[in-house]
Amino acid sequence: MHFRLLGPVEIRTGERWQPVAATKQRHLLAVLLVNRCRTVPVTVLIEELWPVEPPATARALVRNYVMRLRRLVGDDDGSVIVYRAPGYCLDLPPGRMDAELFRAGLAAGRRALGEGDAATAAVRLREALALWRGNALADLPGEGMVGVARRELAAHREAGDDLLMDARLATEPAAVIPELRMLAADSAREYRWGQLMRALWLSGARAEALGCYGRLRATMAQRYGAEPGPYLRELHDRIRAGDRGRLTSGVR
């Protein structure tokens, strides 16, 4: 059996992916998935499923949801959704969850980029990012463990986007400039502006790269009363000094 979290929650026990239609069962499964191979106490499951006012029959309902989930995934002997006092554990082998595959691909891409192999990094990162089907855990509430996992996964996805752009920038800096202009225009993220500065500098547009820093600095001062951080200041100084060392890679 396999599970998908990078979008609506889905399971696959044969050839087809299918949703978990019942909201509480889907929520329970998601909590177990984000805690894979760790026991989640029944009391915690109750808090996750009913954060405001749990029903008097909450424990019995949790048992019922587990029974239905086992039936749905073909876990007839309870060897996957396991009861381990004081709660339940999803005893799932590695490689059965898209979020886990994504993290592995992200790590492989980061490692390849750090070793100077931008082409391999781009392949690994594109494969990893292709696993996403929308927002993580998209069909569940935003609070509790699910909300924490959603935010963590979104941060990893953003890191993957940044790393892929770094890989592309290392091999074709001029080609990514138009895309980076649009991305930077809609963002105050310093790393994104740094990517645009690096692409411009590596493409021979040193003056424009320095101008980007000046515009961002003025915007930050006006909106937030702040200066660019150490990373962007160092990048600005390197470009001004004509030092191309480490400019092709943004791996930090």
Protein backbone atom coordinates (compact mmCIF):
# COMPACT_ATOMS: atom_id res chain seq x y z
CA MET A 1 0.00 0.00 0.00
CA HIS A 2 1.08 3.56 -0.72
CA PHE A 3 -0.06 6.97 0.53
CA ARG A 4 -0.05 10.51 -0.85
CA LEU A 5 -0.01 13.68 1.25
CA LEU A 6 1.30 16.23 -1.27
CA GLY A 7 -2.19 17.28 -2.28
CA PRO A 8 -5.46 15.69 -1.12
CA VAL A 9 -4.89 12.55 0.98
CA GLU A 10 -5.03 9.41 -1.16
CA ILE A 11 -4.24 5.71 -0.78
CA ARG A 12 -3.34 2.98 -3.25
CA THR A 13 -3.68 -0.70 -2.53
CA GLY A 14 -3.82 -1.92 -6.13
CA GLU A 15 -3.50 -0.09 -9.43
CA ARG A 16 -5.54 3.01 -8.64
CA TRP A 17 -5.27 5.89 -6.22
CA GLN A 18 -8.41 6.62 -4.24
CA PRO A 19 -9.46 9.28 -1.73
CA VAL A 20 -10.54 8.63 1.84
CA ALA A 21 -14.08 9.94 1.63
CA ALA A 22 -14.99 10.17 5.33
CA THR A 23 -13.52 13.33 6.86
CA LYS A 24 -12.70 11.97 10.33
CA GLN A 25 -11.11 8.81 8.94
CA ARG A 26 -9.05 10.90 6.52
CA HIS A 27 -7.96 13.16 9.37
CA LEU A 28 -7.02 10.20 11.57
CA LEU A 29 -5.03 8.62 8.74
CA ALA A 30 -3.20 11.90 8.10
CA VAL A 31 -2.20 12.21 11.77
CA LEU A 32 -0.83 8.66 11.70
CA LEU A 33 0.98 9.32 8.42
CA VAL A 34 2.76 12.45 9.63
CA ASN A 35 3.82 10.43 12.69
CA ARG A 36 4.82 7.34 10.70
CA CYS A 37 6.28 4.57 12.89
CA ARG A 38 5.56 6.58 16.06
CA THR A 39 2.74 5.73 18.45
CA VAL A 40 0.12 8.47 18.76
CA PRO A 41 -1.81 8.16 22.04
CA VAL A 42 -5.58 7.87 21.75
CA THR A 43 -5.91 10.99 23.89
CA VAL A 44 -3.88 12.93 21.31
CA LEU A 45 -5.92 11.51 18.44
CA ILE A 46 -9.08 12.69 20.19
CA GLU A 47 -7.61 16.19 20.60
CA GLU A 48 -6.68 16.25 16.91
CA LEU A 49 -10.07 15.05 15.67
CA TRP A 50 -12.18 17.13 18.07
CA PRO A 51 -10.07 20.14 19.15
CA VAL A 52 -12.97 22.01 20.77
CA GLU A 53 -15.41 19.60 22.39
CA PRO A 54 -14.91 15.84 21.91
CA PRO A 55 -18.01 13.66 22.18
CA ALA A 56 -18.46 11.33 25.13
CA THR A 57 -18.03 8.39 22.74
CA ALA A 58 -14.72 9.70 21.31
CA ARG A 59 -12.65 6.63 22.26
CA ALA A 60 -15.17 4.27 20.71
CA LEU A 61 -15.32 6.43 17.59
CA VAL A 62 -11.52 6.33 17.23
CA ARG A 63 -11.61 2.52 17.43
CA ASN A 64 -14.35 2.49 14.81
CA TYR A 65 -12.40 4.79 12.47
CA VAL A 66 -9.31 2.61 12.84
CA MET A 67 -11.34 -0.50 12.01
CA ARG A 68 -12.71 1.16 8.87
CA LEU A 69 -9.28 2.40 7.80
CA ARG A 70 -7.83 -1.08 8.21
CA ARG A 71 -10.59 -2.42 6.02
CA LEU A 72 -9.98 0.32 3.44
CA VAL A 73 -6.24 -0.38 3.13
CA GLY A 74 -6.53 -4.16 3.38
CA ASP A 75 -4.89 -4.35 6.80
CA ASP A 76 -6.91 -7.35 7.95
CA ASP A 77 -4.50 -8.46 10.67
CA GLY A 78 -3.75 -5.00 12.08
CA SER A 79 -0.07 -5.23 11.16
CA VAL A 80 0.04 -1.81 9.49
CA ILE A 81 -2.25 0.31 11.66
CA VAL A 82 -1.00 -1.22 14.88
CA TYR A 83 -2.36 -0.78 18.38
CA ARG A 84 0.51 -0.08 20.76
CA ALA A 85 -0.57 1.17 24.14
CA PRO A 86 -1.48 3.92 24.70
CA GLY A 87 -2.43 4.50 21.05
CA TYR A 88 -1.96 3.61 17.39
CA CYS A 89 1.04 3.53 15.09
CA LEU A 90 1.24 3.38 11.30
CA ASP A 91 3.96 0.76 10.81
CA LEU A 92 4.81 1.63 7.23
CA PRO A 93 8.01 0.55 5.42
CA PRO A 94 10.18 3.28 3.85
CA GLY A 95 9.29 4.52 0.38
CA ARG A 96 5.51 4.16 0.67
CA MET A 97 4.64 7.83 1.14
CA ASP A 98 5.07 10.64 -1.39
CA ALA A 99 6.25 13.13 1.25
CA GLU A 100 9.08 10.77 2.15
CA LEU A 101 10.04 10.32 -1.51
CA PHE A 102 9.98 14.08 -1.97
CA ARG A 103 12.33 14.67 0.97
CA ALA A 104 14.73 12.04 -0.37
CA GLY A 105 14.73 13.67 -3.81
CA LEU A 106 15.25 17.09 -2.24
CA ALA A 107 18.25 15.79 -0.29
CA ALA A 108 19.70 14.15 -3.42
CA GLY A 109 19.29 17.37 -5.40
CA ARG A 110 20.89 19.47 -2.67
CA ARG A 111 23.79 17.02 -2.42
CA ALA A 112 24.39 17.00 -6.19
CA LEU A 113 24.28 20.78 -6.36
CA GLY A 114 26.73 21.05 -3.47
CA GLU A 115 29.07 18.73 -5.38
CA GLY A 116 28.87 20.95 -8.47
CA ASP A 117 26.69 18.60 -10.55
CA ALA A 118 23.92 21.01 -11.51
CA ALA A 119 22.52 18.79 -14.28
CA THR A 120 21.94 15.83 -11.95
CA ALA A 121 20.59 18.18 -9.29
CA ALA A 122 18.02 19.56 -11.73
CA VAL A 123 16.83 16.06 -12.66
CA ARG A 124 16.45 14.95 -9.05
CA LEU A 125 14.70 18.16 -8.01
CA ARG A 126 12.27 18.11 -10.93
CA GLU A 127 11.37 14.51 -10.09
CA ALA A 128 10.80 15.44 -6.45
CA LEU A 129 8.72 18.53 -7.19
CA ALA A 130 6.60 16.60 -9.71
CA LEU A 131 5.18 14.60 -6.77
CA TRP A 132 3.20 17.65 -5.65
CA ARG A 133 -0.48 17.81 -6.69
CA GLY A 134 -1.41 21.05 -4.92
CA ASN A 135 -1.12 22.13 -1.30
CA ALA A 136 -0.09 19.36 1.09
CA LEU A 137 -2.96 17.73 3.01
CA ALA A 138 -5.27 20.00 1.06
CA ASP A 139 -8.53 18.35 2.12
CA LEU A 140 -7.97 18.65 5.88
CA PRO A 141 -8.25 21.38 8.54
CA GLY A 142 -5.27 23.65 9.10
CA GLU A 143 -4.75 23.27 12.83
CA GLY A 144 -2.98 20.70 15.02
CA MET A 145 -0.44 18.20 13.76
CA VAL A 146 -1.82 18.39 10.25
CA GLY A 147 -1.31 22.15 10.16
CA VAL A 148 2.26 21.83 11.43
CA ALA A 149 3.05 19.16 8.83
CA ARG A 150 1.47 21.25 6.06
CA ARG A 151 3.63 24.27 6.93
CA GLU A 152 6.79 22.15 7.15
CA LEU A 153 6.11 20.52 3.80
CA ALA A 154 5.38 23.91 2.21
CA ALA A 155 8.75 25.16 3.47
CA HIS A 156 10.47 22.10 1.97
CA ARG A 157 8.67 22.71 -1.32
CA GLU A 158 9.86 26.32 -1.36
CA ALA A 159 13.41 25.09 -0.69
CA GLY A 160 13.05 22.66 -3.60
CA ASP A 161 11.93 25.47 -5.91
CA ASP A 162 14.93 27.54 -4.81
CA LEU A 163 17.37 24.68 -5.33
CA LEU A 164 15.99 23.90 -8.78
CA MET A 165 16.39 27.54 -9.76
CA ASP A 166 19.96 27.43 -8.43
CA ALA A 167 20.65 24.36 -10.58
CA ARG A 168 19.23 26.04 -13.67
CA LEU A 169 21.06 29.26 -12.86
CA ALA A 170 24.37 27.40 -12.70
CA THR A 171 24.03 26.13 -16.28
CA GLU A 172 21.89 28.76 -18.05
CA PRO A 173 21.91 32.04 -16.10
CA ALA A 174 20.65 34.21 -18.96
CA ALA A 175 17.72 31.87 -19.67
CA VAL A 176 16.28 32.14 -16.15
CA ILE A 177 16.43 35.95 -15.90
CA PRO A 178 12.91 36.63 -17.30
CA GLU A 179 11.36 34.12 -14.90
CA LEU A 180 13.34 35.48 -11.96
CA ARG A 181 12.29 39.04 -12.79
CA MET A 182 8.63 38.02 -12.46
CA LEU A 183 9.19 35.99 -9.30
CA ALA A 184 11.21 38.71 -7.59
CA ALA A 185 8.69 41.40 -8.52
CA ASP A 186 6.01 39.58 -6.50
CA SER A 187 8.23 38.71 -3.55
CA ALA A 188 10.23 40.36 -0.80
CA ARG A 189 12.21 37.15 -0.22
CA GLU A 190 15.87 38.04 -0.17
CA TYR A 191 16.99 34.70 -1.53
CA ARG A 192 14.86 35.13 -4.65
CA TRP A 193 16.33 38.60 -5.23
CA GLY A 194 19.78 37.12 -4.68
CA GLN A 195 19.12 34.59 -7.42
CA LEU A 196 18.16 37.39 -9.80
CA MET A 197 21.31 39.32 -8.88
CA ARG A 198 23.48 36.25 -9.48
CA ALA A 199 21.82 35.48 -12.82
CA LEU A 200 22.31 39.06 -14.02
CA TRP A 201 25.93 39.20 -12.89
CA LEU A 202 26.81 35.85 -14.46
CA SER A 203 25.16 37.04 -17.69
CA GLY A 204 27.30 40.18 -17.78
CA ALA A 205 24.71 42.64 -16.45
CA ARG A 206 26.70 43.75 -13.39
CA ALA A 207 25.17 47.23 -13.16
CA GLU A 208 21.63 45.86 -13.24
CA ALA A 209 22.51 43.27 -10.59
CA LEU A 210 23.73 46.04 -8.28
CA GLY A 211 20.63 48.05 -9.13
CA CYS A 212 18.43 45.17 -7.95
CA TYR A 213 20.09 45.34 -4.56
CA GLY A 214 19.50 49.08 -4.39
CA ARG A 215 15.81 48.71 -5.23
CA LEU A 216 15.25 45.96 -2.70
CA ARG A 217 17.13 47.89 -0.03
CA ALA A 218 14.96 50.96 -0.60
CA THR A 219 11.77 48.86 -0.56
CA MET A 220 12.73 47.12 2.68
CA ALA A 221 13.60 50.40 4.35
CA GLN A 222 10.29 51.96 3.31
CA ARG A 223 8.04 49.01 4.14
CA TYR A 224 9.76 47.37 7.08
CA GLY A 225 12.37 49.82 8.35
CA ALA A 226 15.01 47.11 7.81
CA GLU A 227 18.16 46.46 5.81
CA PRO A 228 18.91 43.40 3.65
CA GLY A 229 20.37 40.48 5.60
CA PRO A 230 23.96 39.19 5.68
CA TYR A 231 23.52 36.84 2.70
CA LEU A 232 22.38 39.58 0.34
CA ARG A 233 24.90 42.11 1.65
CA GLU A 234 27.74 39.64 1.07
CA LEU A 235 26.44 38.88 -2.42
CA HIS A 236 26.26 42.60 -3.19
CA ASP A 237 29.85 43.09 -2.02
CA ARG A 238 31.06 40.15 -4.12
CA ILE A 239 29.39 41.49 -7.25
CA ARG A 240 30.71 44.99 -6.64
CA ALA A 241 34.22 43.58 -6.16
CA GLY A 242 33.96 41.35 -9.23
CA ASP A 243 34.38 38.18 -7.16
CA ARG A 244 32.58 35.30 -8.91
CA GLY A 245 33.49 32.76 -6.23
CA ARG A 246 30.39 30.77 -5.15
CA LEU A 247 28.12 32.92 -7.30
CA THR A 248 27.01 29.98 -9.42
CA SER A 249 25.64 28.12 -6.40
CA GLY A 250 23.26 29.32 -3.77
CA VAL A 251 23.59 26.21 -1.60
CA ARG A 252 23.93 27.39 1.98
